[in-house]
Amino acid sequence: MEQLDERDAKILKLLQNDCKTTAREIAKKIGSPITTVYSKIKRMEELGIIKQYRAILDSRKLDKGTTAFILASFAYRPGGREKPLSQRDVAKQIAAILEVQEVHIITGGWDILIKVRTDHVDTLGKLVMDKLRTVEGVENTLSCIVYETVKETTDVLT
């Protein structure tokens, strides 16, 4: 893992808060030359520490106000299949579903955790029945619909 110095961390915190912050503004806030800030940002991009820059949209204002987390169990040999399925391949198929925002392979009583956003509970039901449960290897699902989101962040550094 790449070692970050104090200035790197300050730069990252400012960018994760507002990725439109310019190198000039960051330099002023942390008291470093703009060339240093610019080269540090470029280095962290090249190392993959900064993966991308993006806008965070309000899903409710875009008619995607129904959020759910779905737990899925995985069958390695569905229907007596001779060659076992790859859990990673199944997760990738799930990730290709348009409404799916996140897919995680997890430990515990379930194998895969999926986050989806849809316009309505009915749409969520159709997604689970007509898309998710038709993916070969998905054995069981448990849907947890979000009533209210108290905290949601993309911040890694605090």
C-alpha atoms as a PDB file:
ATOM      1  CA  MET A   1       0.000   0.000   0.000  1.00  0.00           C
ATOM      2  CA  GLU A   2       1.201   3.464  -0.879  1.00  0.00           C
ATOM      3  CA  GLN A   3       2.161   5.647   2.066  1.00  0.00           C
ATOM      4  CA  LEU A   4       0.343   8.949   2.198  1.00  0.00           C
ATOM      5  CA  ASP A   5       1.772  11.966   3.914  1.00  0.00           C
ATOM      6  CA  GLU A   6      -0.264  14.553   5.789  1.00  0.00           C
ATOM      7  CA  ARG A   7      -0.641  16.783   2.711  1.00  0.00           C
ATOM      8  CA  ASP A   8      -1.859  13.843   0.609  1.00  0.00           C
ATOM      9  CA  ALA A   9      -4.546  13.124   3.217  1.00  0.00           C
ATOM     10  CA  LYS A  10      -5.620  16.773   3.320  1.00  0.00           C
ATOM     11  CA  ILE A  11      -5.859  16.884  -0.481  1.00  0.00           C
ATOM     12  CA  LEU A  12      -7.916  13.680  -0.545  1.00  0.00           C
ATOM     13  CA  LYS A  13     -10.291  14.936   2.143  1.00  0.00           C
ATOM     14  CA  LEU A  14     -10.916  18.142   0.216  1.00  0.00           C
ATOM     15  CA  LEU A  15     -11.468  16.281  -3.075  1.00  0.00           C
ATOM     16  CA  GLN A  16     -13.816  13.684  -1.583  1.00  0.00           C
ATOM     17  CA  ASN A  17     -15.858  16.527  -0.123  1.00  0.00           C
ATOM     18  CA  ASP A  18     -15.989  18.402  -3.451  1.00  0.00           C
ATOM     19  CA  CYS A  19     -14.208  16.978  -6.474  1.00  0.00           C
ATOM     20  CA  LYS A  20     -14.644  20.287  -8.314  1.00  0.00           C
ATOM     21  CA  THR A  21     -12.181  21.967  -5.932  1.00  0.00           C
ATOM     22  CA  THR A  22      -9.309  23.250  -8.052  1.00  0.00           C
ATOM     23  CA  ALA A  23      -5.635  22.621  -7.354  1.00  0.00           C
ATOM     24  CA  ARG A  24      -5.286  26.362  -6.753  1.00  0.00           C
ATOM     25  CA  GLU A  25      -8.042  26.323  -4.104  1.00  0.00           C
ATOM     26  CA  ILE A  26      -6.545  23.238  -2.439  1.00  0.00           C
ATOM     27  CA  ALA A  27      -3.085  24.798  -2.408  1.00  0.00           C
ATOM     28  CA  LYS A  28      -4.460  27.878  -0.693  1.00  0.00           C
ATOM     29  CA  LYS A  29      -6.376  25.825   1.908  1.00  0.00           C
ATOM     30  CA  ILE A  30      -3.452  23.576   2.867  1.00  0.00           C
ATOM     31  CA  GLY A  31      -0.670  26.137   2.438  1.00  0.00           C
ATOM     32  CA  SER A  32       1.266  24.325  -0.290  1.00  0.00           C
ATOM     33  CA  PRO A  33       2.510  25.454  -3.697  1.00  0.00           C
ATOM     34  CA  ILE A  34       0.040  24.735  -6.504  1.00  0.00           C
ATOM     35  CA  THR A  35       2.664  22.704  -8.368  1.00  0.00           C
ATOM     36  CA  THR A  36       3.053  20.410  -5.344  1.00  0.00           C
ATOM     37  CA  VAL A  37      -0.708  19.948  -5.059  1.00  0.00           C
ATOM     38  CA  TYR A  38      -1.061  19.301  -8.784  1.00  0.00           C
ATOM     39  CA  SER A  39       1.755  16.716  -8.828  1.00  0.00           C
ATOM     40  CA  LYS A  40       0.392  14.984  -5.714  1.00  0.00           C
ATOM     41  CA  ILE A  41      -3.079  14.719  -7.279  1.00  0.00           C
ATOM     42  CA  LYS A  42      -1.611  13.338 -10.522  1.00  0.00           C
ATOM     43  CA  ARG A  43       0.490  10.810  -8.571  1.00  0.00           C
ATOM     44  CA  MET A  44      -2.551   9.618  -6.584  1.00  0.00           C
ATOM     45  CA  GLU A  45      -4.550   9.292  -9.817  1.00  0.00           C
ATOM     46  CA  GLU A  46      -1.773   7.231 -11.424  1.00  0.00           C
ATOM     47  CA  LEU A  47      -1.541   4.995  -8.354  1.00  0.00           C
ATOM     48  CA  GLY A  48      -5.318   4.449  -8.451  1.00  0.00           C
ATOM     49  CA  ILE A  49      -5.845   6.020  -5.023  1.00  0.00           C
ATOM     50  CA  ILE A  50      -8.131   8.501  -6.784  1.00  0.00           C
ATOM     51  CA  LYS A  51     -10.221   6.183  -8.944  1.00  0.00           C
ATOM     52  CA  GLN A  52     -12.530   8.745 -10.548  1.00  0.00           C
ATOM     53  CA  TYR A  53     -14.415  11.979 -10.109  1.00  0.00           C
ATOM     54  CA  ARG A  54     -18.204  12.014 -10.132  1.00  0.00           C
ATOM     55  CA  ALA A  55     -21.363  13.849  -9.141  1.00  0.00           C
ATOM     56  CA  ILE A  56     -23.547  12.374  -6.403  1.00  0.00           C
ATOM     57  CA  LEU A  57     -27.164  12.570  -7.534  1.00  0.00           C
ATOM     58  CA  ASP A  58     -30.324  12.722  -5.427  1.00  0.00           C
ATOM     59  CA  SER A  59     -32.082   9.492  -6.405  1.00  0.00           C
ATOM     60  CA  ARG A  60     -35.473  10.623  -5.088  1.00  0.00           C
ATOM     61  CA  LYS A  61     -35.456  13.736  -7.270  1.00  0.00           C
ATOM     62  CA  LEU A  62     -34.712  11.491 -10.254  1.00  0.00           C
ATOM     63  CA  ASP A  63     -37.637   9.115  -9.602  1.00  0.00           C
ATOM     64  CA  LYS A  64     -35.448   6.382  -8.085  1.00  0.00           C
ATOM     65  CA  GLY A  65     -36.668   6.805  -4.510  1.00  0.00           C
ATOM     66  CA  THR A  66     -36.970   3.118  -3.607  1.00  0.00           C
ATOM     67  CA  THR A  67     -33.708   1.733  -2.256  1.00  0.00           C
ATOM     68  CA  ALA A  68     -33.261  -1.874  -1.219  1.00  0.00           C
ATOM     69  CA  PHE A  69     -30.498  -4.142  -0.073  1.00  0.00           C
ATOM     70  CA  ILE A  70     -30.909  -7.691  -1.288  1.00  0.00           C
ATOM     71  CA  LEU A  71     -29.151 -10.678   0.196  1.00  0.00           C
ATOM     72  CA  ALA A  72     -28.661 -13.598  -2.182  1.00  0.00           C
ATOM     73  CA  SER A  73     -27.481 -17.129  -1.571  1.00  0.00           C
ATOM     74  CA  PHE A  74     -25.429 -18.824  -4.214  1.00  0.00           C
ATOM     75  CA  ALA A  75     -25.594 -22.391  -5.533  1.00  0.00           C
ATOM     76  CA  TYR A  76     -22.319 -23.730  -6.933  1.00  0.00           C
ATOM     77  CA  ARG A  77     -24.016 -26.586  -8.775  1.00  0.00           C
ATOM     78  CA  PRO A  78     -27.604 -25.550  -9.508  1.00  0.00           C
ATOM     79  CA  GLY A  79     -29.794 -28.306 -10.901  1.00  0.00           C
ATOM     80  CA  GLY A  80     -27.079 -30.921 -10.446  1.00  0.00           C
ATOM     81  CA  ARG A  81     -24.749 -29.069 -12.805  1.00  0.00           C
ATOM     82  CA  GLU A  82     -21.467 -30.971 -13.263  1.00  0.00           C
ATOM     83  CA  LYS A  83     -19.103 -28.001 -13.509  1.00  0.00           C
ATOM     84  CA  PRO A  84     -19.433 -25.608 -10.554  1.00  0.00           C
ATOM     85  CA  LEU A  85     -20.341 -21.974 -11.159  1.00  0.00           C
ATOM     86  CA  SER A  86     -18.017 -19.171 -10.194  1.00  0.00           C
ATOM     87  CA  GLN A  87     -19.453 -16.901  -7.510  1.00  0.00           C
ATOM     88  CA  ARG A  88     -17.506 -13.997  -9.035  1.00  0.00           C
ATOM     89  CA  ASP A  89     -19.092 -14.639 -12.443  1.00  0.00           C
ATOM     90  CA  VAL A  90     -22.561 -14.705 -10.892  1.00  0.00           C
ATOM     91  CA  ALA A  91     -21.789 -11.438  -9.062  1.00  0.00           C
ATOM     92  CA  LYS A  92     -20.696  -9.880 -12.382  1.00  0.00           C
ATOM     93  CA  GLN A  93     -23.972 -10.942 -14.025  1.00  0.00           C
ATOM     94  CA  ILE A  94     -25.892  -9.343 -11.172  1.00  0.00           C
ATOM     95  CA  ALA A  95     -23.775  -6.173 -11.489  1.00  0.00           C
ATOM     96  CA  ALA A  96     -24.833  -5.906 -15.142  1.00  0.00           C
ATOM     97  CA  ILE A  97     -28.478  -5.360 -14.132  1.00  0.00           C
ATOM     98  CA  LEU A  98     -29.176  -1.682 -14.756  1.00  0.00           C
ATOM     99  CA  GLU A  99     -30.845  -0.883 -11.403  1.00  0.00           C
ATOM    100  CA  VAL A 100     -28.034  -2.496  -9.391  1.00  0.00           C
ATOM    101  CA  GLN A 101     -25.676   0.022  -7.799  1.00  0.00           C
ATOM    102  CA  GLU A 102     -23.466  -2.239  -5.700  1.00  0.00           C
ATOM    103  CA  VAL A 103     -22.630  -5.939  -5.534  1.00  0.00           C
ATOM    104  CA  HIS A 104     -20.516  -7.398  -2.732  1.00  0.00           C
ATOM    105  CA  ILE A 105     -19.418 -10.981  -2.126  1.00  0.00           C
ATOM    106  CA  ILE A 106     -19.822 -11.406   1.628  1.00  0.00           C
ATOM    107  CA  THR A 107     -19.382 -13.873   4.472  1.00  0.00           C
ATOM    108  CA  GLY A 108     -22.047 -15.247   6.788  1.00  0.00           C
ATOM    109  CA  GLY A 109     -25.376 -16.890   6.074  1.00  0.00           C
ATOM    110  CA  TRP A 110     -25.677 -15.152   2.705  1.00  0.00           C
ATOM    111  CA  ASP A 111     -23.207 -14.986  -0.175  1.00  0.00           C
ATOM    112  CA  ILE A 112     -23.915 -11.756  -2.055  1.00  0.00           C
ATOM    113  CA  LEU A 113     -25.158  -8.323  -0.955  1.00  0.00           C
ATOM    114  CA  ILE A 114     -26.799  -6.157  -3.621  1.00  0.00           C
ATOM    115  CA  LYS A 115     -27.894  -2.518  -3.457  1.00  0.00           C
ATOM    116  CA  VAL A 116     -30.572  -1.410  -5.913  1.00  0.00           C
ATOM    117  CA  ARG A 117     -32.547   1.744  -6.611  1.00  0.00           C
ATOM    118  CA  THR A 118     -35.857   1.734  -8.434  1.00  0.00           C
ATOM    119  CA  ASP A 119     -38.819   4.047  -8.938  1.00  0.00           C
ATOM    120  CA  HIS A 120     -41.283   1.948  -6.932  1.00  0.00           C
ATOM    121  CA  VAL A 121     -41.670  -1.193  -4.811  1.00  0.00           C
ATOM    122  CA  ASP A 122     -43.511  -2.883  -7.709  1.00  0.00           C
ATOM    123  CA  THR A 123     -40.503  -2.300  -9.958  1.00  0.00           C
ATOM    124  CA  LEU A 124     -38.257  -3.730  -7.250  1.00  0.00           C
ATOM    125  CA  GLY A 125     -40.419  -6.858  -7.094  1.00  0.00           C
ATOM    126  CA  LYS A 126     -40.209  -7.313 -10.866  1.00  0.00           C
ATOM    127  CA  LEU A 127     -36.456  -6.807 -10.752  1.00  0.00           C
ATOM    128  CA  VAL A 128     -36.057  -9.520  -8.104  1.00  0.00           C
ATOM    129  CA  MET A 129     -38.446 -12.002  -9.750  1.00  0.00           C
ATOM    130  CA  ASP A 130     -37.725 -11.380 -13.433  1.00  0.00           C
ATOM    131  CA  LYS A 131     -34.034 -10.474 -13.432  1.00  0.00           C
ATOM    132  CA  LEU A 132     -32.197 -11.382 -10.236  1.00  0.00           C
ATOM    133  CA  ARG A 133     -33.775 -14.778  -9.578  1.00  0.00           C
ATOM    134  CA  THR A 134     -33.253 -15.799 -13.202  1.00  0.00           C
ATOM    135  CA  VAL A 135     -29.459 -15.480 -12.897  1.00  0.00           C
ATOM    136  CA  GLU A 136     -28.104 -19.015 -12.817  1.00  0.00           C
ATOM    137  CA  GLY A 137     -26.581 -19.646  -9.406  1.00  0.00           C
ATOM    138  CA  VAL A 138     -28.870 -17.323  -7.439  1.00  0.00           C
ATOM    139  CA  GLU A 139     -30.652 -19.680  -5.096  1.00  0.00           C
ATOM    140  CA  ASN A 140     -32.544 -17.533  -2.545  1.00  0.00           C
ATOM    141  CA  THR A 141     -33.026 -13.817  -1.985  1.00  0.00           C
ATOM    142  CA  LEU A 142     -34.039 -11.633   0.929  1.00  0.00           C
ATOM    143  CA  SER A 143     -35.015  -8.030   0.155  1.00  0.00           C
ATOM    144  CA  CYS A 144     -34.668  -5.278   2.742  1.00  0.00           C
ATOM    145  CA  ILE A 145     -36.384  -2.056   1.653  1.00  0.00           C
ATOM    146  CA  VAL A 146     -34.982   1.190   3.031  1.00  0.00           C
ATOM    147  CA  TYR A 147     -37.533   3.355   4.866  1.00  0.00           C
ATOM    148  CA  GLU A 148     -35.207   6.246   5.544  1.00  0.00           C
ATOM    149  CA  THR A 149     -31.501   6.872   4.985  1.00  0.00           C
ATOM    150  CA  VAL A 150     -29.795   8.460   7.971  1.00  0.00           C
ATOM    151  CA  LYS A 151     -26.257   8.402   6.551  1.00  0.00           C
ATOM    152  CA  GLU A 152     -24.899   7.601   3.119  1.00  0.00           C
ATOM    153  CA  THR A 153     -21.425   8.635   2.108  1.00  0.00           C
ATOM    154  CA  THR A 154     -18.657   7.862  -0.328  1.00  0.00           C
ATOM    155  CA  ASP A 155     -16.038   9.282   2.055  1.00  0.00           C
ATOM    156  CA  VAL A 156     -13.130   7.001   2.894  1.00  0.00           C
ATOM    157  CA  LEU A 157     -11.026   9.477   4.854  1.00  0.00           C
ATOM    158  CA  THR A 158     -12.611  11.317   7.741  1.00  0.00           C
END
